[in-house]
């Protein structure tokens, strides 16, 4: 019995979201929303809080409890592919542009009124994801966020190990005494090792991951994307309303309900790679980000060989946008002396290839 199939190819590219004969550039601009993006090179980094750091915190504040740091422990190394990340939090002006282009509603205006150069606030995780999708991006994983904030050596804060109230937009005596966020990029002394601004203070930032308190005890060693189950989403960075220095630590990982909207919460994005062309056959390829998804069908749905539905985690990969065409397969045969398959009728070069097995 013969079966026919058409070809769709996958191309796995390791370690880079940017390409070019002259290598990766330090900064690029997203043409959709105008956001400046900085490069975080591939490599290992430390995430989480170490026993040494916890002991140092305890010496400064004897009221601290170990359970308050449990979700950040143990400190461990992770290996991340390179990526670009927005230098600044998404602004009111950028979010307004997204709403104008898509018909999405602006969130509730805060008490201080909208100011174009301030970070957008009062957005849920779903709002942030919608913006990211429009901008050809995603929200950062919390591992990506943490590396971009603290570098590879485990800085406590983006600038180093000691808290400095002058390097972040924050309250100083009581909650909310700062009254509102600052314009993005107003605290250059607080810049992260890779050039990211406001990763301590200004607004809390949504990450892509679901939250699990024990995730750092069993997360993957390479490109972690968060647990597969959970009801809340990770936040990072602290905000203008906080005054407790512990909230601004790059390893601090609280969470909120994804539907929640607060005036101290915004986000930044990580761009998805642009479509790429395979130089051998000129095929257009699209990037599928790594992550966890449901594969198969639930019981009672579809064929039995699709059961059971189950969770699968994949690293990111490239996939051909279209099926392989007759012209592409003919070029392959000419280059390799592979035999061109028999076609029962004349085939047009732009048709997808169909092969007998």
Protein backbone atom coordinates (compact mmCIF):
# COMPACT_ATOMS: atom_id res chain seq x y z
CA UNK A 1 0.00 0.00 0.00
CA UNK A 2 1.31 3.40 -0.92
CA UNK A 3 1.09 6.49 1.21
CA UNK A 4 1.68 10.02 0.08
CA UNK A 5 3.13 12.79 2.16
CA UNK A 6 4.28 16.32 1.65
CA UNK A 7 7.48 17.64 3.18
CA UNK A 8 7.71 20.31 5.83
CA UNK A 9 11.19 20.70 7.24
CA UNK A 10 12.54 21.78 10.61
CA UNK A 11 15.84 23.52 11.11
CA UNK A 12 17.27 23.68 14.62
CA UNK A 13 19.57 26.61 15.33
CA UNK A 14 21.41 26.58 18.65
CA UNK A 15 22.56 29.51 20.66
CA UNK A 16 21.45 32.58 18.74
CA UNK A 17 18.42 34.66 17.89
CA UNK A 18 20.40 36.92 15.56
CA UNK A 19 22.66 36.10 12.69
CA UNK A 20 24.99 37.67 10.18
CA UNK A 21 28.50 37.31 8.84
CA UNK A 22 29.73 40.01 11.21
CA UNK A 23 28.05 38.47 14.29
CA UNK A 24 25.47 39.91 16.64
CA UNK A 25 25.08 43.60 17.30
CA UNK A 26 24.75 45.04 20.78
CA UNK A 27 21.50 46.93 20.19
CA UNK A 28 18.70 46.72 17.65
CA UNK A 29 15.33 48.42 17.25
CA UNK A 30 11.94 46.75 16.95
CA UNK A 31 10.41 48.28 13.79
CA UNK A 32 6.86 47.72 15.07
CA UNK A 33 6.94 49.71 18.30
CA UNK A 34 10.32 51.46 18.04
CA UNK A 35 11.65 49.79 21.19
CA UNK A 36 15.43 49.69 21.61
CA UNK A 37 16.63 46.19 22.44
CA UNK A 38 19.91 45.06 23.98
CA UNK A 39 21.74 41.79 23.46
CA UNK A 40 22.21 39.26 26.24
CA UNK A 41 24.87 36.82 24.94
CA UNK A 42 24.52 33.06 25.23
CA UNK A 43 26.12 31.39 28.22
CA UNK A 44 25.74 30.31 31.81
CA UNK A 45 24.58 32.58 34.60
CA UNK A 46 23.76 32.32 38.27
CA UNK A 47 20.12 32.68 39.30
CA UNK A 48 18.56 32.50 42.72
CA UNK A 49 19.89 33.39 46.18
CA UNK A 50 22.94 31.73 47.68
CA UNK A 51 23.43 30.64 51.28
CA UNK A 52 26.18 33.24 51.53
CA UNK A 53 23.89 36.03 50.37
CA UNK A 54 21.12 34.92 52.72
CA UNK A 55 23.55 34.98 55.66
CA UNK A 56 24.63 38.49 54.67
CA UNK A 57 21.01 39.66 54.52
CA UNK A 58 20.37 38.12 57.93
CA UNK A 59 23.32 40.00 59.47
CA UNK A 60 21.78 43.28 58.29
CA UNK A 61 18.22 42.37 59.30
CA UNK A 62 17.74 39.75 62.00
CA UNK A 63 13.97 39.76 61.40
CA UNK A 64 14.35 38.00 58.06
CA UNK A 65 13.15 34.40 57.86
CA UNK A 66 14.55 31.66 55.72
CA UNK A 67 11.11 30.74 54.39
CA UNK A 68 10.89 34.20 52.84
CA UNK A 69 13.79 33.25 50.56
CA UNK A 70 12.89 29.59 49.96
CA UNK A 71 11.45 30.17 46.48
CA UNK A 72 14.79 31.67 45.37
CA UNK A 73 16.93 28.80 46.62
CA UNK A 74 19.16 27.13 45.85
CA UNK A 75 21.23 29.46 43.74
CA UNK A 76 22.17 27.54 40.61
CA UNK A 77 23.58 27.88 37.13
CA UNK A 78 21.45 27.86 34.01
CA UNK A 79 22.52 27.96 30.39
CA UNK A 80 20.58 30.35 28.16
CA UNK A 81 20.67 30.89 24.42
CA UNK A 82 21.40 34.47 23.41
CA UNK A 83 18.45 36.83 23.14
CA UNK A 84 17.53 40.47 22.83
CA UNK A 85 15.42 42.16 25.48
CA UNK A 86 13.77 45.58 25.59
CA UNK A 87 16.12 48.14 27.11
CA UNK A 88 13.15 49.87 28.76
CA UNK A 89 9.74 48.94 30.05
CA UNK A 90 6.95 49.35 27.50
CA UNK A 91 5.74 52.94 27.67
CA UNK A 92 2.30 54.51 27.61
CA UNK A 93 3.01 55.85 24.11
CA UNK A 94 3.97 52.41 22.80
CA UNK A 95 0.94 50.77 24.36
CA UNK A 96 -1.32 53.46 22.92
CA UNK A 97 0.12 52.71 19.47
CA UNK A 98 -0.71 49.02 19.98
CA UNK A 99 -4.29 49.88 20.95
CA UNK A 100 -4.72 52.15 17.93
CA UNK A 101 -3.44 49.41 15.60
CA UNK A 102 -5.47 46.54 17.06
CA UNK A 103 -8.59 48.06 18.61
CA UNK A 104 -7.45 46.85 22.04
CA UNK A 105 -8.71 49.04 24.88
CA UNK A 106 -6.38 51.24 26.90
CA UNK A 107 -6.31 50.22 30.57
CA UNK A 108 -7.80 52.29 33.36
CA UNK A 109 -5.92 55.56 33.68
CA UNK A 110 -3.97 55.91 36.95
CA UNK A 111 -4.49 58.81 39.36
CA UNK A 112 -1.49 60.70 37.98
CA UNK A 113 -2.89 60.55 34.41
CA UNK A 114 -1.20 59.05 31.38
CA UNK A 115 2.25 60.35 30.53
CA UNK A 116 3.72 59.06 27.28
CA UNK A 117 7.24 58.38 28.56
CA UNK A 118 6.19 56.55 31.71
CA UNK A 119 5.76 52.75 31.76
CA UNK A 120 2.28 51.46 31.00
CA UNK A 121 0.48 50.22 34.14
CA UNK A 122 -2.83 48.60 35.05
CA UNK A 123 -2.19 45.80 32.55
CA UNK A 124 -2.88 42.13 33.19
CA UNK A 125 -0.59 39.32 32.07
CA UNK A 126 -2.97 38.68 29.16
CA UNK A 127 -2.79 42.36 28.17
CA UNK A 128 1.00 42.16 28.20
CA UNK A 129 0.97 38.99 26.10
CA UNK A 130 -1.37 40.58 23.57
CA UNK A 131 0.96 43.54 23.20
CA UNK A 132 3.99 41.26 22.85
CA UNK A 133 2.27 39.22 20.13
CA UNK A 134 1.46 42.39 18.19
CA UNK A 135 5.07 43.55 18.53
CA UNK A 136 6.47 40.24 17.23
CA UNK A 137 7.72 39.39 20.69
CA UNK A 138 7.04 37.48 23.88
CA UNK A 139 7.36 38.19 27.56
CA UNK A 140 10.74 37.15 28.96
CA UNK A 141 11.03 33.94 30.88
CA UNK A 142 11.99 34.63 34.45
CA UNK A 143 15.44 33.15 33.74
CA UNK A 144 15.88 35.57 30.85
CA UNK A 145 14.66 38.43 33.02
CA UNK A 146 16.99 37.54 35.88
CA UNK A 147 20.09 37.19 33.70
CA UNK A 148 19.35 40.49 31.95
CA UNK A 149 18.95 42.16 35.35
CA UNK A 150 21.97 40.85 37.25
CA UNK A 151 24.47 39.51 34.70
CA UNK A 152 26.35 36.24 35.01
CA UNK A 153 27.93 36.60 38.47
CA UNK A 154 24.87 36.74 40.69
CA UNK A 155 24.65 40.46 41.49
CA UNK A 156 22.05 41.12 44.16
CA UNK A 157 20.88 44.25 42.35
CA UNK A 158 21.42 45.25 38.72
CA UNK A 159 24.35 47.50 39.69
CA UNK A 160 26.02 45.24 42.26
CA UNK A 161 25.65 43.91 45.79
CA UNK A 162 24.67 46.94 47.91
CA UNK A 163 21.26 48.57 47.93
CA UNK A 164 21.32 52.21 46.77
CA UNK A 165 18.04 54.12 46.92
CA UNK A 166 19.39 56.65 44.41
CA UNK A 167 19.63 54.05 41.64
CA UNK A 168 15.96 53.04 41.43
CA UNK A 169 12.54 54.65 41.35
CA UNK A 170 11.11 53.59 44.70
CA UNK A 171 9.44 54.78 47.87
CA UNK A 172 11.76 55.52 50.77
CA UNK A 173 9.78 55.67 54.03
CA UNK A 174 6.36 54.15 53.42
CA UNK A 175 4.48 52.35 50.67
CA UNK A 176 3.59 54.60 47.71
CA UNK A 177 5.38 57.71 48.97
CA UNK A 178 7.01 58.02 45.54
CA UNK A 179 3.47 58.67 44.25
CA UNK A 180 4.05 57.45 40.67
CA UNK A 181 6.58 55.82 38.35
CA UNK A 182 9.29 57.84 36.64
CA UNK A 183 9.83 58.20 32.92
CA UNK A 184 11.59 55.07 31.69
CA UNK A 185 15.37 55.30 31.78
CA UNK A 186 15.48 58.03 34.43
CA UNK A 187 17.97 56.17 36.62
CA UNK A 188 21.05 55.45 34.46
CA UNK A 189 23.16 54.66 37.54
CA UNK A 190 20.94 51.61 38.05
CA UNK A 191 21.59 50.16 34.59
CA UNK A 192 22.06 46.39 34.43
CA UNK A 193 25.27 44.77 33.11
CA UNK A 194 23.68 44.44 29.65
CA UNK A 195 22.25 47.97 29.51
CA UNK A 196 18.68 47.34 30.69
CA UNK A 197 17.05 50.20 32.57
CA UNK A 198 14.70 50.14 35.57
CA UNK A 199 15.07 46.45 36.35
CA UNK A 200 14.96 47.48 40.00
CA UNK A 201 12.02 49.73 40.77
CA UNK A 202 9.66 51.82 38.65
CA UNK A 203 7.13 49.01 37.95
CA UNK A 204 6.86 45.31 38.59
CA UNK A 205 7.27 43.39 35.33
CA UNK A 206 5.28 40.39 34.13
CA UNK A 207 7.29 37.35 33.05
CA UNK A 208 6.03 34.58 30.80
CA UNK A 209 6.32 31.79 33.38
CA UNK A 210 3.75 30.20 35.59
CA UNK A 211 4.84 30.31 39.23
CA UNK A 212 5.81 27.41 41.48
CA UNK A 213 7.53 28.04 44.81
CA UNK A 214 9.77 24.99 44.38
CA UNK A 215 10.70 25.58 40.74
CA UNK A 216 14.30 26.59 41.46
CA UNK A 217 14.84 23.24 43.17
CA UNK A 218 14.09 21.22 40.04
CA UNK A 219 14.22 23.53 37.01
CA UNK A 220 16.03 22.46 33.81
CA UNK A 221 19.69 23.35 33.47
CA UNK A 222 19.21 24.94 30.04
CA UNK A 223 16.63 27.47 28.83
CA UNK A 224 14.04 26.92 31.60
CA UNK A 225 10.54 28.09 30.67
CA UNK A 226 8.75 27.63 33.98
CA UNK A 227 6.53 24.92 35.44
CA UNK A 228 3.70 23.35 33.44
CA UNK A 229 1.11 23.91 36.16
CA UNK A 230 0.20 26.87 38.31
CA UNK A 231 -2.43 29.54 38.79
CA UNK A 232 -0.29 32.67 39.05
CA UNK A 233 2.37 34.32 36.88
CA UNK A 234 5.81 35.52 37.91
CA UNK A 235 6.58 39.19 38.53
CA UNK A 236 10.04 40.72 38.86
CA UNK A 237 11.83 43.91 39.79
CA UNK A 238 9.95 45.85 42.48
CA UNK A 239 8.11 49.12 41.88
CA UNK A 240 7.79 52.80 42.68
CA UNK A 241 5.42 51.89 45.51
CA UNK A 242 7.84 49.61 47.39
CA UNK A 243 10.39 50.73 49.99
CA UNK A 244 11.69 47.41 51.33
CA UNK A 245 15.09 46.90 49.66
CA UNK A 246 14.52 43.13 49.56
CA UNK A 247 11.76 43.58 46.96
CA UNK A 248 14.24 45.05 44.47
CA UNK A 249 16.66 42.11 44.54
CA UNK A 250 17.07 40.58 41.07
CA UNK A 251 16.39 37.10 42.48
CA UNK A 252 13.11 38.00 44.24
CA UNK A 253 10.31 36.11 42.51
CA UNK A 254 6.75 36.89 43.68
CA UNK A 255 3.64 36.24 41.59
CA UNK A 256 0.11 37.50 40.97
CA UNK A 257 -3.08 36.31 39.36
CA UNK A 258 -2.66 36.78 35.59
CA UNK A 259 -5.96 38.67 35.40
CA UNK A 260 -4.89 41.22 38.00
CA UNK A 261 -4.25 44.84 37.05
CA UNK A 262 -2.33 47.19 39.35
CA UNK A 263 -0.91 50.68 39.02
CA UNK A 264 2.56 49.42 39.91
CA UNK A 265 2.77 46.67 37.27
CA UNK A 266 3.95 46.78 33.65
CA UNK A 267 6.25 44.71 31.43
CA UNK A 268 9.02 44.58 28.85
CA UNK A 269 9.42 42.19 25.91
CA UNK A 270 11.82 39.76 24.30
CA UNK A 271 11.57 39.84 20.50
CA UNK A 272 10.96 36.71 18.49
CA UNK A 273 13.44 36.16 15.66
CA UNK A 274 12.41 37.56 12.30
CA UNK A 275 11.61 35.12 9.48
CA UNK A 276 14.78 33.63 8.06
CA UNK A 277 15.66 32.25 4.61
CA UNK A 278 17.46 28.93 4.21
CA UNK A 279 20.34 29.80 1.84
CA UNK A 280 20.36 26.32 0.26
CA UNK A 281 16.79 26.21 -1.03
CA UNK A 282 15.51 29.75 -0.37
CA UNK A 283 12.77 28.42 1.91
CA UNK A 284 11.18 30.90 4.33
CA UNK A 285 11.45 29.72 7.94
CA UNK A 286 9.61 30.80 11.07
CA UNK A 287 10.77 30.56 14.69
CA UNK A 288 8.74 28.52 17.16
CA UNK A 289 9.75 29.50 20.72
CA UNK A 290 10.64 26.83 23.25
CA UNK A 291 8.06 25.91 25.86
CA UNK A 292 5.51 23.39 27.02
CA UNK A 293 2.35 22.49 25.12
CA UNK A 294 -0.34 19.80 25.06
CA UNK A 295 0.27 17.07 22.47
CA UNK A 296 -2.32 14.51 21.41
CA UNK A 297 -6.07 14.41 22.02
CA UNK A 298 -8.20 13.94 25.09
CA UNK A 299 -9.94 10.61 25.57
CA UNK A 300 -13.03 10.37 23.39
CA UNK A 301 -11.65 12.84 20.83
CA UNK A 302 -9.93 11.84 17.58
CA UNK A 303 -8.22 8.52 16.87
CA UNK A 304 -6.93 6.15 19.54
CA UNK A 305 -3.33 6.62 18.41
CA UNK A 306 -3.62 10.28 19.49
CA UNK A 307 -4.24 9.32 23.13
CA UNK A 308 -3.47 10.28 25.79
CA UNK A 309 -3.14 14.06 25.67
CA UNK A 310 0.13 14.90 27.42
CA UNK A 311 2.51 17.76 28.11
CA UNK A 312 5.68 18.06 26.03
CA UNK A 313 8.50 20.58 26.48
CA UNK A 314 10.55 21.57 23.44
CA UNK A 315 13.48 23.88 22.88
CA UNK A 316 12.97 26.57 20.26
CA UNK A 317 13.29 25.62 16.60
CA UNK A 318 12.88 26.91 13.05
CA UNK A 319 10.26 25.39 10.76
CA UNK A 320 9.62 25.90 7.07
CA UNK A 321 6.74 28.28 6.50
CA UNK A 322 5.50 26.24 3.52
CA UNK A 323 5.66 22.62 2.35
CA UNK A 324 8.71 21.80 0.21
CA UNK A 325 7.86 22.57 -3.42
CA UNK A 326 8.50 20.59 -6.59
CA UNK A 327 11.09 23.16 -7.64
CA UNK A 328 12.97 22.86 -4.34
CA UNK A 329 12.94 19.08 -4.47
CA UNK A 330 14.08 19.13 -8.10
CA UNK A 331 17.03 21.35 -7.11
CA UNK A 332 17.89 18.87 -4.34
CA UNK A 333 17.85 15.98 -6.82
CA UNK A 334 20.05 17.88 -9.26
CA UNK A 335 22.57 18.66 -6.55
CA UNK A 336 22.70 15.17 -5.01
CA UNK A 337 21.83 12.87 -7.96
CA UNK A 338 18.87 11.68 -5.92
CA UNK A 339 16.15 10.27 -8.15
CA UNK A 340 13.20 12.55 -8.81
CA UNK A 341 9.99 10.74 -7.79
CA UNK A 342 7.49 9.61 -10.41
CA UNK A 343 4.60 11.98 -10.91
CA UNK A 344 1.39 10.57 -12.43
CA UNK A 345 0.76 13.93 -14.04
CA UNK A 346 2.85 17.00 -14.83
CA UNK A 347 3.71 18.93 -11.70
CA UNK A 348 4.00 22.69 -11.39
CA UNK A 349 7.16 23.98 -9.71
CA UNK A 350 5.20 25.88 -7.08
CA UNK A 351 3.17 22.81 -6.02
CA UNK A 352 4.19 21.00 -2.87
CA UNK A 353 6.16 17.81 -3.44
CA UNK A 354 4.23 14.56 -2.97
CA UNK A 355 6.22 11.34 -2.65
CA UNK A 356 5.17 7.67 -2.74
CA UNK A 357 6.39 5.45 0.09
